[in-house]
Amino acid sequence: MIGAVLTLADDVVEVRVDGNNVIFRTGIMPMWATIDGLSLSYEGVIREFPDLKDEINWKKIATERFKDKIRSFKTEDEKLNYVIEDLKKHGYKPKLKQKAGFRPSMIQ
């Protein structure tokens, strides 16, 4: 298992990757949630996937595309790096990274 902490202003987001499972937690959401449990912004999804603009099931298709993308990576490091890079596009700043319960290290 590998995890990271990212920030956006006062918002803190934790991400954990365990195999093909990616879970998220924010400061306001004390429980962990998969991509299925997150509230996705329609505008954000359309910016990422313009072909879903007129799709009724846009959220379900977007989450499946995320899961497929995660499964395409071989290591947990690659999966976490993909999530970090994706969140960085939206203004989040990576702060800490932790592998397999070891002490967290700063992300440069």
PDB file of N, CA and C in Angstrom:
ATOM      1  N   MET A   1       0.848  -1.170   0.000  1.00  0.00           N
ATOM      2  CA  MET A   1       0.000   0.000   0.000  1.00  0.00           C
ATOM      3  C   MET A   1       0.896   1.236   0.000  1.00  0.00           C
ATOM      4  N   ILE A   2       0.413   2.254  -0.714  1.00  0.00           N
ATOM      5  CA  ILE A   2       1.143   3.509  -0.831  1.00  0.00           C
ATOM      6  C   ILE A   2       0.117   4.644  -0.745  1.00  0.00           C
ATOM      7  N   GLY A   3       0.539   5.772  -0.192  1.00  0.00           N
ATOM      8  CA  GLY A   3      -0.390   6.879  -0.048  1.00  0.00           C
ATOM      9  C   GLY A   3       0.292   8.217  -0.203  1.00  0.00           C
ATOM     10  N   ALA A   4      -0.533   9.255  -0.315  1.00  0.00           N
ATOM     11  CA  ALA A   4      -0.020  10.612  -0.459  1.00  0.00           C
ATOM     12  C   ALA A   4      -1.001  11.595   0.165  1.00  0.00           C
ATOM     13  N   VAL A   5      -0.464  12.759   0.533  1.00  0.00           N
ATOM     14  CA  VAL A   5      -1.270  13.864   1.040  1.00  0.00           C
ATOM     15  C   VAL A   5      -1.043  15.041   0.111  1.00  0.00           C
ATOM     16  N   LEU A   6      -2.152  15.658  -0.335  1.00  0.00           N
ATOM     17  CA  LEU A   6      -2.100  16.833  -1.197  1.00  0.00           C
ATOM     18  C   LEU A   6      -2.934  17.934  -0.570  1.00  0.00           C
ATOM     19  N   THR A   7      -2.620  19.178  -0.892  1.00  0.00           N
ATOM     20  CA  THR A   7      -3.385  20.296  -0.353  1.00  0.00           C
ATOM     21  C   THR A   7      -3.814  21.246  -1.463  1.00  0.00           C
ATOM     22  N   LEU A   8      -4.930  21.914  -1.214  1.00  0.00           N
ATOM     23  CA  LEU A   8      -5.423  22.987  -2.069  1.00  0.00           C
ATOM     24  C   LEU A   8      -6.022  24.015  -1.123  1.00  0.00           C
ATOM     25  N   ALA A   9      -5.311  25.106  -0.919  1.00  0.00           N
ATOM     26  CA  ALA A   9      -5.689  26.126   0.069  1.00  0.00           C
ATOM     27  C   ALA A   9      -5.827  25.441   1.427  1.00  0.00           C
ATOM     28  N   ASP A  10      -7.013  25.455   2.039  1.00  0.00           N
ATOM     29  CA  ASP A  10      -7.222  24.817   3.343  1.00  0.00           C
ATOM     30  C   ASP A  10      -7.665  23.365   3.227  1.00  0.00           C
ATOM     31  N   ASP A  11      -7.895  22.908   2.019  1.00  0.00           N
ATOM     32  CA  ASP A  11      -8.386  21.550   1.791  1.00  0.00           C
ATOM     33  C   ASP A  11      -7.225  20.564   1.764  1.00  0.00           C
ATOM     34  N   VAL A  12      -7.348  19.484   2.510  1.00  0.00           N
ATOM     35  CA  VAL A  12      -6.336  18.424   2.542  1.00  0.00           C
ATOM     36  C   VAL A  12      -6.972  17.161   1.977  1.00  0.00           C
ATOM     37  N   VAL A  13      -6.297  16.530   1.006  1.00  0.00           N
ATOM     38  CA  VAL A  13      -6.787  15.301   0.398  1.00  0.00           C
ATOM     39  C   VAL A  13      -5.758  14.209   0.624  1.00  0.00           C
ATOM     40  N   GLU A  14      -6.219  13.072   1.108  1.00  0.00           N
ATOM     41  CA  GLU A  14      -5.368  11.897   1.252  1.00  0.00           C
ATOM     42  C   GLU A  14      -5.783  10.891   0.182  1.00  0.00           C
ATOM     43  N   VAL A  15      -4.784  10.254  -0.416  1.00  0.00           N
ATOM     44  CA  VAL A  15      -5.022   9.246  -1.443  1.00  0.00           C
ATOM     45  C   VAL A  15      -4.250   8.001  -1.043  1.00  0.00           C
ATOM     46  N   ARG A  16      -4.890   6.846  -1.144  1.00  0.00           N
ATOM     47  CA  ARG A  16      -4.211   5.570  -0.894  1.00  0.00           C
ATOM     48  C   ARG A  16      -4.444   4.650  -2.076  1.00  0.00           C
ATOM     49  N   VAL A  17      -3.393   3.921  -2.418  1.00  0.00           N
ATOM     50  CA  VAL A  17      -3.470   2.935  -3.486  1.00  0.00           C
ATOM     51  C   VAL A  17      -3.072   1.591  -2.888  1.00  0.00           C
ATOM     52  N   ASP A  18      -3.949   0.613  -3.039  1.00  0.00           N
ATOM     53  CA  ASP A  18      -3.693  -0.748  -2.578  1.00  0.00           C
ATOM     54  C   ASP A  18      -4.083  -1.676  -3.716  1.00  0.00           C
ATOM     55  N   GLY A  19      -3.096  -2.116  -4.473  1.00  0.00           N
ATOM     56  CA  GLY A  19      -3.380  -2.902  -5.672  1.00  0.00           C
ATOM     57  C   GLY A  19      -4.049  -2.021  -6.703  1.00  0.00           C
ATOM     58  N   ASN A  20      -5.247  -2.415  -7.151  1.00  0.00           N
ATOM     59  CA  ASN A  20      -6.006  -1.601  -8.100  1.00  0.00           C
ATOM     60  C   ASN A  20      -7.047  -0.717  -7.404  1.00  0.00           C
ATOM     61  N   ASN A  21      -7.065  -0.744  -6.088  1.00  0.00           N
ATOM     62  CA  ASN A  21      -8.019   0.063  -5.329  1.00  0.00           C
ATOM     63  C   ASN A  21      -7.408   1.416  -5.000  1.00  0.00           C
ATOM     64  N   VAL A  22      -8.108   2.477  -5.366  1.00  0.00           N
ATOM     65  CA  VAL A  22      -7.693   3.838  -5.039  1.00  0.00           C
ATOM     66  C   VAL A  22      -8.795   4.437  -4.186  1.00  0.00           C
ATOM     67  N   ILE A  23      -8.418   4.921  -2.991  1.00  0.00           N
ATOM     68  CA  ILE A  23      -9.408   5.536  -2.104  1.00  0.00           C
ATOM     69  C   ILE A  23      -8.962   6.945  -1.734  1.00  0.00           C
ATOM     70  N   PHE A  24      -9.940   7.785  -1.445  1.00  0.00           N
ATOM     71  CA  PHE A  24      -9.707   9.199  -1.181  1.00  0.00           C
ATOM     72  C   PHE A  24     -10.363   9.589   0.142  1.00  0.00           C
ATOM     73  N   ARG A  25      -9.774  10.616   0.792  1.00  0.00           N
ATOM     74  CA  ARG A  25     -10.364  11.180   2.003  1.00  0.00           C
ATOM     75  C   ARG A  25      -9.964  12.651   2.065  1.00  0.00           C
ATOM     76  N   THR A  26     -10.924  13.497   2.429  1.00  0.00           N
ATOM     77  CA  THR A  26     -10.621  14.917   2.608  1.00  0.00           C
ATOM     78  C   THR A  26     -10.806  15.279   4.072  1.00  0.00           C
ATOM     79  N   GLY A  27     -10.381  16.469   4.422  1.00  0.00           N
ATOM     80  CA  GLY A  27     -10.528  16.931   5.796  1.00  0.00           C
ATOM     81  C   GLY A  27     -11.973  17.007   6.233  1.00  0.00           C
ATOM     82  N   ILE A  28     -12.884  17.294   5.305  1.00  0.00           N
ATOM     83  CA  ILE A  28     -14.299  17.385   5.657  1.00  0.00           C
ATOM     84  C   ILE A  28     -15.014  16.041   5.572  1.00  0.00           C
ATOM     85  N   MET A  29     -14.362  15.055   4.959  1.00  0.00           N
ATOM     86  CA  MET A  29     -14.963  13.734   4.807  1.00  0.00           C
ATOM     87  C   MET A  29     -14.111  12.738   5.601  1.00  0.00           C
ATOM     88  N   PRO A  30     -14.514  12.407   6.833  1.00  0.00           N
ATOM     89  CA  PRO A  30     -13.659  11.578   7.679  1.00  0.00           C
ATOM     90  C   PRO A  30     -13.535  10.122   7.236  1.00  0.00           C
ATOM     91  N   MET A  31     -14.403   9.676   6.346  1.00  0.00           N
ATOM     92  CA  MET A  31     -14.345   8.284   5.903  1.00  0.00           C
ATOM     93  C   MET A  31     -13.682   8.202   4.529  1.00  0.00           C
ATOM     94  N   TRP A  32     -13.088   7.066   4.243  1.00  0.00           N
ATOM     95  CA  TRP A  32     -12.468   6.835   2.942  1.00  0.00           C
ATOM     96  C   TRP A  32     -13.549   6.526   1.917  1.00  0.00           C
ATOM     97  N   ALA A  33     -13.329   6.965   0.675  1.00  0.00           N
ATOM     98  CA  ALA A  33     -14.304   6.715  -0.399  1.00  0.00           C
ATOM     99  C   ALA A  33     -13.556   6.335  -1.672  1.00  0.00           C
ATOM    100  N   THR A  34     -14.150   5.435  -2.433  1.00  0.00           N
ATOM    101  CA  THR A  34     -13.608   5.106  -3.749  1.00  0.00           C
ATOM    102  C   THR A  34     -14.053   6.186  -4.720  1.00  0.00           C
ATOM    103  N   ILE A  35     -13.609   6.092  -5.944  1.00  0.00           N
ATOM    104  CA  ILE A  35     -14.016   7.051  -6.972  1.00  0.00           C
ATOM    105  C   ILE A  35     -15.538   7.039  -7.143  1.00  0.00           C
ATOM    106  N   ASP A  36     -16.173   5.888  -6.893  1.00  0.00           N
ATOM    107  CA  ASP A  36     -17.630   5.785  -6.998  1.00  0.00           C
ATOM    108  C   ASP A  36     -18.346   6.651  -5.967  1.00  0.00           C
ATOM    109  N   GLY A  37     -17.717   6.836  -4.805  1.00  0.00           N
ATOM    110  CA  GLY A  37     -18.347   7.582  -3.733  1.00  0.00           C
ATOM    111  C   GLY A  37     -18.094   9.078  -3.771  1.00  0.00           C
ATOM    112  N   LEU A  38     -17.262   9.537  -4.684  1.00  0.00           N
ATOM    113  CA  LEU A  38     -16.953  10.960  -4.769  1.00  0.00           C
ATOM    114  C   LEU A  38     -17.994  11.686  -5.598  1.00  0.00           C
ATOM    115  N   SER A  39     -18.219  12.939  -5.258  1.00  0.00           N
ATOM    116  CA  SER A  39     -19.113  13.750  -6.085  1.00  0.00           C
ATOM    117  C   SER A  39     -18.263  14.418  -7.154  1.00  0.00           C
ATOM    118  N   LEU A  40     -18.486  14.030  -8.378  1.00  0.00           N
ATOM    119  CA  LEU A  40     -17.707  14.560  -9.493  1.00  0.00           C
ATOM    120  C   LEU A  40     -18.399  15.779 -10.081  1.00  0.00           C
ATOM    121  N   SER A  41     -17.616  16.744 -10.466  1.00  0.00           N
ATOM    122  CA  SER A  41     -18.143  17.944 -11.096  1.00  0.00           C
ATOM    123  C   SER A  41     -18.386  17.656 -12.578  1.00  0.00           C
ATOM    124  N   TYR A  42     -19.591  17.972 -13.047  1.00  0.00           N
ATOM    125  CA  TYR A  42     -19.922  17.775 -14.461  1.00  0.00           C
ATOM    126  C   TYR A  42     -18.948  18.556 -15.342  1.00  0.00           C
ATOM    127  N   GLU A  43     -18.674  19.805 -14.970  1.00  0.00           N
ATOM    128  CA  GLU A  43     -17.778  20.654 -15.762  1.00  0.00           C
ATOM    129  C   GLU A  43     -16.367  20.062 -15.820  1.00  0.00           C
ATOM    130  N   GLY A  44     -15.895  19.543 -14.676  1.00  0.00           N
ATOM    131  CA  GLY A  44     -14.571  18.931 -14.632  1.00  0.00           C
ATOM    132  C   GLY A  44     -14.486  17.675 -15.486  1.00  0.00           C
ATOM    133  N   VAL A  45     -15.530  16.861 -15.437  1.00  0.00           N
ATOM    134  CA  VAL A  45     -15.543  15.632 -16.242  1.00  0.00           C
ATOM    135  C   VAL A  45     -15.581  15.977 -17.725  1.00  0.00           C
ATOM    136  N   ILE A  46     -16.374  16.956 -18.103  1.00  0.00           N
ATOM    137  CA  ILE A  46     -16.485  17.341 -19.517  1.00  0.00           C
ATOM    138  C   ILE A  46     -15.175  17.950 -20.015  1.00  0.00           C
ATOM    139  N   ARG A  47     -14.484  18.675 -19.141  1.00  0.00           N
ATOM    140  CA  ARG A  47     -13.174  19.224 -19.523  1.00  0.00           C
ATOM    141  C   ARG A  47     -12.184  18.095 -19.824  1.00  0.00           C
ATOM    142  N   GLU A  48     -12.261  17.030 -19.020  1.00  0.00           N
ATOM    143  CA  GLU A  48     -11.358  15.889 -19.192  1.00  0.00           C
ATOM    144  C   GLU A  48     -11.820  14.971 -20.329  1.00  0.00           C
ATOM    145  N   PHE A  49     -13.134  14.781 -20.457  1.00  0.00           N
ATOM    146  CA  PHE A  49     -13.706  13.888 -21.462  1.00  0.00           C
ATOM    147  C   PHE A  49     -14.798  14.622 -22.240  1.00  0.00           C
ATOM    148  N   PRO A  50     -14.449  15.442 -23.225  1.00  0.00           N
ATOM    149  CA  PRO A  50     -15.450  16.220 -23.960  1.00  0.00           C
ATOM    150  C   PRO A  50     -16.510  15.365 -24.657  1.00  0.00           C
ATOM    151  N   ASP A  51     -16.174  14.117 -24.972  1.00  0.00           N
ATOM    152  CA  ASP A  51     -17.138  13.264 -25.656  1.00  0.00           C
ATOM    153  C   ASP A  51     -18.324  12.867 -24.775  1.00  0.00           C
ATOM    154  N   LEU A  52     -18.258  13.131 -23.477  1.00  0.00           N
ATOM    155  CA  LEU A  52     -19.355  12.773 -22.572  1.00  0.00           C
ATOM    156  C   LEU A  52     -20.362  13.906 -22.384  1.00  0.00           C
ATOM    157  N   LYS A  53     -20.203  14.982 -23.141  1.00  0.00           N
ATOM    158  CA  LYS A  53     -21.041  16.170 -22.969  1.00  0.00           C
ATOM    159  C   LYS A  53     -22.533  15.862 -23.050  1.00  0.00           C
ATOM    160  N   ASP A  54     -22.947  15.074 -24.003  1.00  0.00           N
ATOM    161  CA  ASP A  54     -24.365  14.774 -24.193  1.00  0.00           C
ATOM    162  C   ASP A  54     -24.756  13.401 -23.646  1.00  0.00           C
ATOM    163  N   GLU A  55     -23.885  12.790 -22.882  1.00  0.00           N
ATOM    164  CA  GLU A  55     -24.123  11.444 -22.349  1.00  0.00           C
ATOM    165  C   GLU A  55     -24.914  11.532 -21.040  1.00  0.00           C
ATOM    166  N   ILE A  56     -25.960  10.754 -20.933  1.00  0.00           N
ATOM    167  CA  ILE A  56     -26.786  10.743 -19.723  1.00  0.00           C
ATOM    168  C   ILE A  56     -26.020  10.127 -18.552  1.00  0.00           C
ATOM    169  N   ASN A  57     -25.290   9.058 -18.793  1.00  0.00           N
ATOM    170  CA  ASN A  57     -24.546   8.343 -17.752  1.00  0.00           C
ATOM    171  C   ASN A  57     -23.094   8.809 -17.678  1.00  0.00           C
ATOM    172  N   TRP A  58     -22.857  10.106 -17.754  1.00  0.00           N
ATOM    173  CA  TRP A  58     -21.498  10.648 -17.806  1.00  0.00           C
ATOM    174  C   TRP A  58     -20.665  10.276 -16.588  1.00  0.00           C
ATOM    175  N   LYS A  59     -21.278  10.269 -15.389  1.00  0.00           N
ATOM    176  CA  LYS A  59     -20.515   9.960 -14.175  1.00  0.00           C
ATOM    177  C   LYS A  59     -20.058   8.506 -14.171  1.00  0.00           C
ATOM    178  N   LYS A  60     -20.945   7.599 -14.521  1.00  0.00           N
ATOM    179  CA  LYS A  60     -20.602   6.176 -14.529  1.00  0.00           C
ATOM    180  C   LYS A  60     -19.497   5.891 -15.552  1.00  0.00           C
ATOM    181  N   ILE A  61     -19.593   6.481 -16.725  1.00  0.00           N
ATOM    182  CA  ILE A  61     -18.586   6.271 -17.764  1.00  0.00           C
ATOM    183  C   ILE A  61     -17.247   6.855 -17.338  1.00  0.00           C
ATOM    184  N   ALA A  62     -17.262   8.044 -16.732  1.00  0.00           N
ATOM    185  CA  ALA A  62     -16.015   8.681 -16.277  1.00  0.00           C
ATOM    186  C   ALA A  62     -15.334   7.853 -15.190  1.00  0.00           C
ATOM    187  N   THR A  63     -16.109   7.304 -14.253  1.00  0.00           N
ATOM    188  CA  THR A  63     -15.497   6.486 -13.202  1.00  0.00           C
ATOM    189  C   THR A  63     -14.936   5.193 -13.774  1.00  0.00           C
ATOM    190  N   GLU A  64     -15.603   4.604 -14.753  1.00  0.00           N
ATOM    191  CA  GLU A  64     -15.080   3.390 -15.386  1.00  0.00           C
ATOM    192  C   GLU A  64     -13.773   3.687 -16.138  1.00  0.00           C
ATOM    193  N   ARG A  65     -13.709   4.838 -16.795  1.00  0.00           N
ATOM    194  CA  ARG A  65     -12.478   5.216 -17.491  1.00  0.00           C
ATOM    195  C   ARG A  65     -11.338   5.401 -16.498  1.00  0.00           C
ATOM    196  N   PHE A  66     -11.630   5.990 -15.328  1.00  0.00           N
ATOM    197  CA  PHE A  66     -10.618   6.158 -14.293  1.00  0.00           C
ATOM    198  C   PHE A  66     -10.119   4.794 -13.826  1.00  0.00           C
ATOM    199  N   LYS A  67     -11.047   3.874 -13.553  1.00  0.00           N
ATOM    200  CA  LYS A  67     -10.677   2.539 -13.092  1.00  0.00           C
ATOM    201  C   LYS A  67      -9.856   1.799 -14.142  1.00  0.00           C
ATOM    202  N   ASP A  68     -10.242   1.915 -15.405  1.00  0.00           N
ATOM    203  CA  ASP A  68      -9.478   1.270 -16.483  1.00  0.00           C
ATOM    204  C   ASP A  68      -8.070   1.836 -16.567  1.00  0.00           C
ATOM    205  N   LYS A  69      -7.955   3.145 -16.427  1.00  0.00           N
ATOM    206  CA  LYS A  69      -6.647   3.791 -16.468  1.00  0.00           C
ATOM    207  C   LYS A  69      -5.777   3.296 -15.319  1.00  0.00           C
ATOM    208  N   ILE A  70      -6.340   3.208 -14.130  1.00  0.00           N
ATOM    209  CA  ILE A  70      -5.597   2.725 -12.961  1.00  0.00           C
ATOM    210  C   ILE A  70      -5.131   1.293 -13.187  1.00  0.00           C
ATOM    211  N   ARG A  71      -6.008   0.446 -13.726  1.00  0.00           N
ATOM    212  CA  ARG A  71      -5.631  -0.961 -13.980  1.00  0.00           C
ATOM    213  C   ARG A  71      -4.533  -1.086 -15.029  1.00  0.00           C
ATOM    214  N   SER A  72      -4.372  -0.069 -15.876  1.00  0.00           N
ATOM    215  CA  SER A  72      -3.366  -0.145 -16.936  1.00  0.00           C
ATOM    216  C   SER A  72      -1.935   0.016 -16.410  1.00  0.00           C
ATOM    217  N   PHE A  73      -1.787   0.559 -15.212  1.00  0.00           N
ATOM    218  CA  PHE A  73      -0.450   0.721 -14.632  1.00  0.00           C
ATOM    219  C   PHE A  73      -0.042  -0.550 -13.912  1.00  0.00           C
ATOM    220  N   LYS A  74       1.271  -0.832 -13.920  1.00  0.00           N
ATOM    221  CA  LYS A  74       1.756  -2.077 -13.326  1.00  0.00           C
ATOM    222  C   LYS A  74       2.015  -1.975 -11.835  1.00  0.00           C
ATOM    223  N   THR A  75       2.531  -0.839 -11.367  1.00  0.00           N
ATOM    224  CA  THR A  75       2.891  -0.724  -9.963  1.00  0.00           C
ATOM    225  C   THR A  75       2.014   0.294  -9.238  1.00  0.00           C
ATOM    226  N   GLU A  76       1.982   0.158  -7.917  1.00  0.00           N
ATOM    227  CA  GLU A  76       1.234   1.116  -7.110  1.00  0.00           C
ATOM    228  C   GLU A  76       1.851   2.510  -7.218  1.00  0.00           C
ATOM    229  N   ASP A  77       3.176   2.580  -7.349  1.00  0.00           N
ATOM    230  CA  ASP A  77       3.852   3.871  -7.536  1.00  0.00           C
ATOM    231  C   ASP A  77       3.338   4.583  -8.783  1.00  0.00           C
ATOM    232  N   GLU A  78       3.235   3.853  -9.897  1.00  0.00           N
ATOM    233  CA  GLU A  78       2.744   4.451 -11.139  1.00  0.00           C
ATOM    234  C   GLU A  78       1.307   4.931 -10.979  1.00  0.00           C
ATOM    235  N   LYS A  79       0.486   4.146 -10.287  1.00  0.00           N
ATOM    236  CA  LYS A  79      -0.918   4.509 -10.072  1.00  0.00           C
ATOM    237  C   LYS A  79      -1.028   5.773  -9.232  1.00  0.00           C
ATOM    238  N   LEU A  80      -0.250   5.829  -8.144  1.00  0.00           N
ATOM    239  CA  LEU A  80      -0.292   7.009  -7.285  1.00  0.00           C
ATOM    240  C   LEU A  80       0.246   8.232  -8.019  1.00  0.00           C
ATOM    241  N   ASN A  81       1.306   8.071  -8.771  1.00  0.00           N
ATOM    242  CA  ASN A  81       1.855   9.196  -9.525  1.00  0.00           C
ATOM    243  C   ASN A  81       0.848   9.734 -10.540  1.00  0.00           C
ATOM    244  N   TYR A  82       0.071   8.849 -11.159  1.00  0.00           N
ATOM    245  CA  TYR A  82      -0.967   9.287 -12.091  1.00  0.00           C
ATOM    246  C   TYR A  82      -2.011  10.142 -11.366  1.00  0.00           C
ATOM    247  N   VAL A  83      -2.467   9.682 -10.196  1.00  0.00           N
ATOM    248  CA  VAL A  83      -3.468  10.422  -9.431  1.00  0.00           C
ATOM    249  C   VAL A  83      -2.897  11.772  -8.987  1.00  0.00           C
ATOM    250  N   ILE A  84      -1.655  11.782  -8.521  1.00  0.00           N
ATOM    251  CA  ILE A  84      -1.024  13.033  -8.098  1.00  0.00           C
ATOM    252  C   ILE A  84      -0.945  14.009  -9.261  1.00  0.00           C
ATOM    253  N   GLU A  85      -0.476  13.539 -10.409  1.00  0.00           N
ATOM    254  CA  GLU A  85      -0.358  14.425 -11.577  1.00  0.00           C
ATOM    255  C   GLU A  85      -1.725  14.946 -12.020  1.00  0.00           C
ATOM    256  N   ASP A  86      -2.745  14.103 -11.933  1.00  0.00           N
ATOM    257  CA  ASP A  86      -4.083  14.532 -12.315  1.00  0.00           C
ATOM    258  C   ASP A  86      -4.604  15.599 -11.355  1.00  0.00           C
ATOM    259  N   LEU A  87      -4.384  15.424 -10.061  1.00  0.00           N
ATOM    260  CA  LEU A  87      -4.832  16.415  -9.093  1.00  0.00           C
ATOM    261  C   LEU A  87      -4.013  17.703  -9.186  1.00  0.00           C
ATOM    262  N   LYS A  88      -2.750  17.596  -9.567  1.00  0.00           N
ATOM    263  CA  LYS A  88      -1.925  18.790  -9.739  1.00  0.00           C
ATOM    264  C   LYS A  88      -2.486  19.686 -10.843  1.00  0.00           C
ATOM    265  N   LYS A  89      -3.089  19.084 -11.866  1.00  0.00           N
ATOM    266  CA  LYS A  89      -3.707  19.872 -12.941  1.00  0.00           C
ATOM    267  C   LYS A  89      -4.837  20.743 -12.420  1.00  0.00           C
ATOM    268  N   HIS A  90      -5.414  20.362 -11.282  1.00  0.00           N
ATOM    269  CA  HIS A  90      -6.539  21.091 -10.697  1.00  0.00           C
ATOM    270  C   HIS A  90      -6.099  21.967  -9.526  1.00  0.00           C
ATOM    271  N   GLY A  91      -4.788  22.159  -9.384  1.00  0.00           N
ATOM    272  CA  GLY A  91      -4.270  23.082  -8.378  1.00  0.00           C
ATOM    273  C   GLY A  91      -3.810  22.455  -7.076  1.00  0.00           C
ATOM    274  N   TYR A  92      -3.959  21.149  -6.918  1.00  0.00           N
ATOM    275  CA  TYR A  92      -3.517  20.503  -5.679  1.00  0.00           C
ATOM    276  C   TYR A  92      -1.993  20.422  -5.652  1.00  0.00           C
ATOM    277  N   LYS A  93      -1.421  20.580  -4.445  1.00  0.00           N
ATOM    278  CA  LYS A  93       0.023  20.516  -4.276  1.00  0.00           C
ATOM    279  C   LYS A  93       0.368  19.289  -3.439  1.00  0.00           C
ATOM    280  N   PRO A  94       1.189  18.384  -3.991  1.00  0.00           N
ATOM    281  CA  PRO A  94       1.583  17.195  -3.225  1.00  0.00           C
ATOM    282  C   PRO A  94       2.511  17.583  -2.076  1.00  0.00           C
ATOM    283  N   LYS A  95       2.266  16.997  -0.916  1.00  0.00           N
ATOM    284  CA  LYS A  95       3.067  17.301   0.271  1.00  0.00           C
ATOM    285  C   LYS A  95       3.847  16.090   0.770  1.00  0.00           C
ATOM    286  N   LEU A  96       3.148  14.980   1.023  1.00  0.00           N
ATOM    287  CA  LEU A  96       3.779  13.802   1.617  1.00  0.00           C
ATOM    288  C   LEU A  96       3.457  12.546   0.824  1.00  0.00           C
ATOM    289  N   LYS A  97       4.382  11.588   0.890  1.00  0.00           N
ATOM    290  CA  LYS A  97       4.180  10.280   0.265  1.00  0.00           C
ATOM    291  C   LYS A  97       4.618   9.232   1.280  1.00  0.00           C
ATOM    292  N   GLN A  98       3.846   8.156   1.401  1.00  0.00           N
ATOM    293  CA  GLN A  98       4.168   7.109   2.365  1.00  0.00           C
ATOM    294  C   GLN A  98       4.006   5.744   1.715  1.00  0.00           C
ATOM    295  N   LYS A  99       5.022   4.898   1.887  1.00  0.00           N
ATOM    296  CA  LYS A  99       4.977   3.539   1.335  1.00  0.00           C
ATOM    297  C   LYS A  99       4.903   2.510   2.446  1.00  0.00           C
ATOM    298  N   ALA A 100       3.961   1.606   2.329  1.00  0.00           N
ATOM    299  CA  ALA A 100       3.851   0.414   3.168  1.00  0.00           C
ATOM    300  C   ALA A 100       4.050   0.681   4.648  1.00  0.00           C
ATOM    301  N   GLY A 101       3.490   1.756   5.170  1.00  0.00           N
ATOM    302  CA  GLY A 101       3.570   2.032   6.591  1.00  0.00           C
ATOM    303  C   GLY A 101       4.863   2.662   7.059  1.00  0.00           C
ATOM    304  N   PHE A 102       5.817   2.869   6.177  1.00  0.00           N
ATOM    305  CA  PHE A 102       7.052   3.529   6.567  1.00  0.00           C
ATOM    306  C   PHE A 102       6.774   5.006   6.825  1.00  0.00           C
ATOM    307  N   ARG A 103       7.729   5.676   7.418  1.00  0.00           N
ATOM    308  CA  ARG A 103       7.591   7.095   7.719  1.00  0.00           C
ATOM    309  C   ARG A 103       7.339   7.895   6.449  1.00  0.00           C
ATOM    310  N   PRO A 104       6.389   8.835   6.483  1.00  0.00           N
ATOM    311  CA  PRO A 104       6.121   9.648   5.294  1.00  0.00           C
ATOM    312  C   PRO A 104       7.325  10.500   4.911  1.00  0.00           C
ATOM    313  N   SER A 105       7.478  10.738   3.621  1.00  0.00           N
ATOM    314  CA  SER A 105       8.556  11.598   3.132  1.00  0.00           C
ATOM    315  C   SER A 105       7.954  12.745   2.334  1.00  0.00           C
ATOM    316  N   MET A 106       8.635  13.867   2.333  1.00  0.00           N
ATOM    317  CA  MET A 106       8.180  15.036   1.609  1.00  0.00           C
ATOM    318  C   MET A 106       8.288  14.767   0.102  1.00  0.00           C
ATOM    319  N   ILE A 107       7.317  15.265  -0.656  1.00  0.00           N
ATOM    320  CA  ILE A 107       7.366  15.168  -2.103  1.00  0.00           C
ATOM    321  C   ILE A 107       7.974  16.453  -2.617  1.00  0.00           C
ATOM    322  N   GLN A 108       9.008  16.321  -3.409  1.00  0.00           N
ATOM    323  CA  GLN A 108       9.703  17.498  -3.944  1.00  0.00           C
ATOM    324  C   GLN A 108       9.081  17.947  -5.235  1.00  0.00           C
TER     325      GLN A 108
END
